Amino acid sequence: MTQRSNSPEYLSKFPTRKMMMDKNITLSLDDVSMIDSLDVNYQLGDIDKRYVVLYFWFEGCIHCKHVGPVIEKFYKLNKRQDITYL
């Protein structure tokens, strides 16, 4: 596995809170809201973390059953970082 860096040069390769959908259309993630399985509403623009991990799953999905433990392990290894998980 390649070692990743938090350097500005490396991080500049990734989109910020705005993603280009088309040359004339921009979607701001600040405007996106989600409701989780416990009916808690999250406005992504209100999350004060550097990174947000959005994990969409369906309980009948075989792939989701395999990825879930990987996400949980990642969370345990990085829970003190500037990351939130939804």
C-alpha atoms as a PDB file:
ATOM      1  CA  MET A   1       0.000   0.000   0.000  1.00  0.00           C
ATOM      2  CA  THR A   2       1.277   3.465  -0.874  1.00  0.00           C
ATOM      3  CA  GLN A   3       1.963   5.799   2.045  1.00  0.00           C
ATOM      4  CA  ARG A   4      -0.207   8.893   1.778  1.00  0.00           C
ATOM      5  CA  SER A   5       0.646  12.336   3.013  1.00  0.00           C
ATOM      6  CA  ASN A   6      -1.283  15.265   4.433  1.00  0.00           C
ATOM      7  CA  SER A   7       0.909  17.678   2.521  1.00  0.00           C
ATOM      8  CA  PRO A   8      -0.847  20.552   0.722  1.00  0.00           C
ATOM      9  CA  GLU A   9       0.487  19.267  -2.609  1.00  0.00           C
ATOM     10  CA  TYR A  10      -1.095  15.847  -2.089  1.00  0.00           C
ATOM     11  CA  LEU A  11      -4.378  17.192  -0.708  1.00  0.00           C
ATOM     12  CA  SER A  12      -4.730  19.698  -3.548  1.00  0.00           C
ATOM     13  CA  LYS A  13      -5.388  16.757  -5.915  1.00  0.00           C
ATOM     14  CA  PHE A  14      -8.784  16.181  -4.276  1.00  0.00           C
ATOM     15  CA  PRO A  15     -11.929  18.274  -4.631  1.00  0.00           C
ATOM     16  CA  THR A  16     -12.925  20.633  -1.867  1.00  0.00           C
ATOM     17  CA  ARG A  17     -16.512  21.018  -0.713  1.00  0.00           C
ATOM     18  CA  LYS A  18     -17.531  21.938  -4.253  1.00  0.00           C
ATOM     19  CA  MET A  19     -17.577  19.415  -7.071  1.00  0.00           C
ATOM     20  CA  MET A  20     -17.860  20.215 -10.733  1.00  0.00           C
ATOM     21  CA  MET A  21     -20.775  18.304 -12.258  1.00  0.00           C
ATOM     22  CA  ASP A  22     -20.689  20.052 -15.609  1.00  0.00           C
ATOM     23  CA  LYS A  23     -18.980  23.138 -16.973  1.00  0.00           C
ATOM     24  CA  ASN A  24     -21.952  25.273 -15.923  1.00  0.00           C
ATOM     25  CA  ILE A  25     -23.287  23.411 -12.868  1.00  0.00           C
ATOM     26  CA  THR A  26     -21.627  23.340  -9.446  1.00  0.00           C
ATOM     27  CA  LEU A  27     -22.944  21.316  -6.526  1.00  0.00           C
ATOM     28  CA  SER A  28     -22.074  22.622  -3.095  1.00  0.00           C
ATOM     29  CA  LEU A  29     -21.887  19.889  -0.482  1.00  0.00           C
ATOM     30  CA  ASP A  30     -22.837  22.528   2.088  1.00  0.00           C
ATOM     31  CA  ASP A  31     -26.396  22.286   0.741  1.00  0.00           C
ATOM     32  CA  VAL A  32     -26.666  18.497   1.101  1.00  0.00           C
ATOM     33  CA  SER A  33     -28.541  17.020   4.039  1.00  0.00           C
ATOM     34  CA  MET A  34     -28.945  13.382   5.061  1.00  0.00           C
ATOM     35  CA  ILE A  35     -31.069  11.407   7.496  1.00  0.00           C
ATOM     36  CA  ASP A  36     -29.409   8.385   9.082  1.00  0.00           C
ATOM     37  CA  SER A  37     -30.977   5.101  10.178  1.00  0.00           C
ATOM     38  CA  LEU A  38     -31.849   6.652  13.561  1.00  0.00           C
ATOM     39  CA  ASP A  39     -33.722   9.555  11.870  1.00  0.00           C
ATOM     40  CA  VAL A  40     -31.007  12.073  12.783  1.00  0.00           C
ATOM     41  CA  ASN A  41     -30.747  14.828  10.159  1.00  0.00           C
ATOM     42  CA  TYR A  42     -27.238  15.969   9.172  1.00  0.00           C
ATOM     43  CA  GLN A  43     -26.482  19.083   7.127  1.00  0.00           C
ATOM     44  CA  LEU A  44     -23.067  18.408   5.579  1.00  0.00           C
ATOM     45  CA  GLY A  45     -22.178  22.101   5.623  1.00  0.00           C
ATOM     46  CA  ASP A  46     -22.549  22.128   9.413  1.00  0.00           C
ATOM     47  CA  ILE A  47     -19.977  19.378   9.993  1.00  0.00           C
ATOM     48  CA  ASP A  48     -16.804  20.960  11.318  1.00  0.00           C
ATOM     49  CA  LYS A  49     -14.336  18.244  10.311  1.00  0.00           C
ATOM     50  CA  ARG A  50     -11.707  18.206   7.600  1.00  0.00           C
ATOM     51  CA  TYR A  51     -12.911  14.873   6.172  1.00  0.00           C
ATOM     52  CA  VAL A  52     -16.352  13.268   6.025  1.00  0.00           C
ATOM     53  CA  VAL A  53     -16.758   9.554   5.272  1.00  0.00           C
ATOM     54  CA  LEU A  54     -20.199   8.784   3.865  1.00  0.00           C
ATOM     55  CA  TYR A  55     -20.977   5.084   3.981  1.00  0.00           C
ATOM     56  CA  PHE A  56     -24.135   4.054   2.121  1.00  0.00           C
ATOM     57  CA  TRP A  57     -25.238   0.504   2.720  1.00  0.00           C
ATOM     58  CA  PHE A  58     -28.165  -1.866   2.456  1.00  0.00           C
ATOM     59  CA  GLU A  59     -28.532  -4.730   4.901  1.00  0.00           C
ATOM     60  CA  GLY A  60     -29.225  -7.213   2.076  1.00  0.00           C
ATOM     61  CA  CYS A  61     -26.072  -6.238   0.146  1.00  0.00           C
ATOM     62  CA  ILE A  62     -23.299  -8.868   0.235  1.00  0.00           C
ATOM     63  CA  HIS A  63     -20.613  -6.297  -0.655  1.00  0.00           C
ATOM     64  CA  CYS A  64     -21.802  -4.033   2.179  1.00  0.00           C
ATOM     65  CA  LYS A  65     -21.413  -6.903   4.652  1.00  0.00           C
ATOM     66  CA  HIS A  66     -17.754  -7.241   3.623  1.00  0.00           C
ATOM     67  CA  VAL A  67     -16.968  -3.516   3.559  1.00  0.00           C
ATOM     68  CA  GLY A  68     -18.624  -2.730   6.922  1.00  0.00           C
ATOM     69  CA  PRO A  69     -15.867  -4.355   9.024  1.00  0.00           C
ATOM     70  CA  VAL A  70     -13.206  -2.562   6.943  1.00  0.00           C
ATOM     71  CA  ILE A  71     -14.875   0.809   7.607  1.00  0.00           C
ATOM     72  CA  GLU A  72     -15.118  -0.045  11.309  1.00  0.00           C
ATOM     73  CA  LYS A  73     -11.405  -0.948  11.450  1.00  0.00           C
ATOM     74  CA  PHE A  74     -10.521   2.295   9.644  1.00  0.00           C
ATOM     75  CA  TYR A  75     -12.640   4.211  12.173  1.00  0.00           C
ATOM     76  CA  LYS A  76     -10.893   2.598  15.143  1.00  0.00           C
ATOM     77  CA  LEU A  77      -7.461   3.377  13.692  1.00  0.00           C
ATOM     78  CA  ASN A  78      -8.349   7.008  12.883  1.00  0.00           C
ATOM     79  CA  LYS A  79     -10.958   8.048  15.458  1.00  0.00           C
ATOM     80  CA  ARG A  80      -8.751  10.776  16.903  1.00  0.00           C
ATOM     81  CA  GLN A  81      -8.214  12.359  13.487  1.00  0.00           C
ATOM     82  CA  ASP A  82     -10.240  15.218  12.023  1.00  0.00           C
ATOM     83  CA  ILE A  83     -12.760  12.796  10.423  1.00  0.00           C
ATOM     84  CA  THR A  84     -16.470  12.216  10.897  1.00  0.00           C
ATOM     85  CA  TYR A  85     -18.344   9.136   9.721  1.00  0.00           C
ATOM     86  CA  LEU A  86     -21.944   9.072   8.515  1.00  0.00           C
END
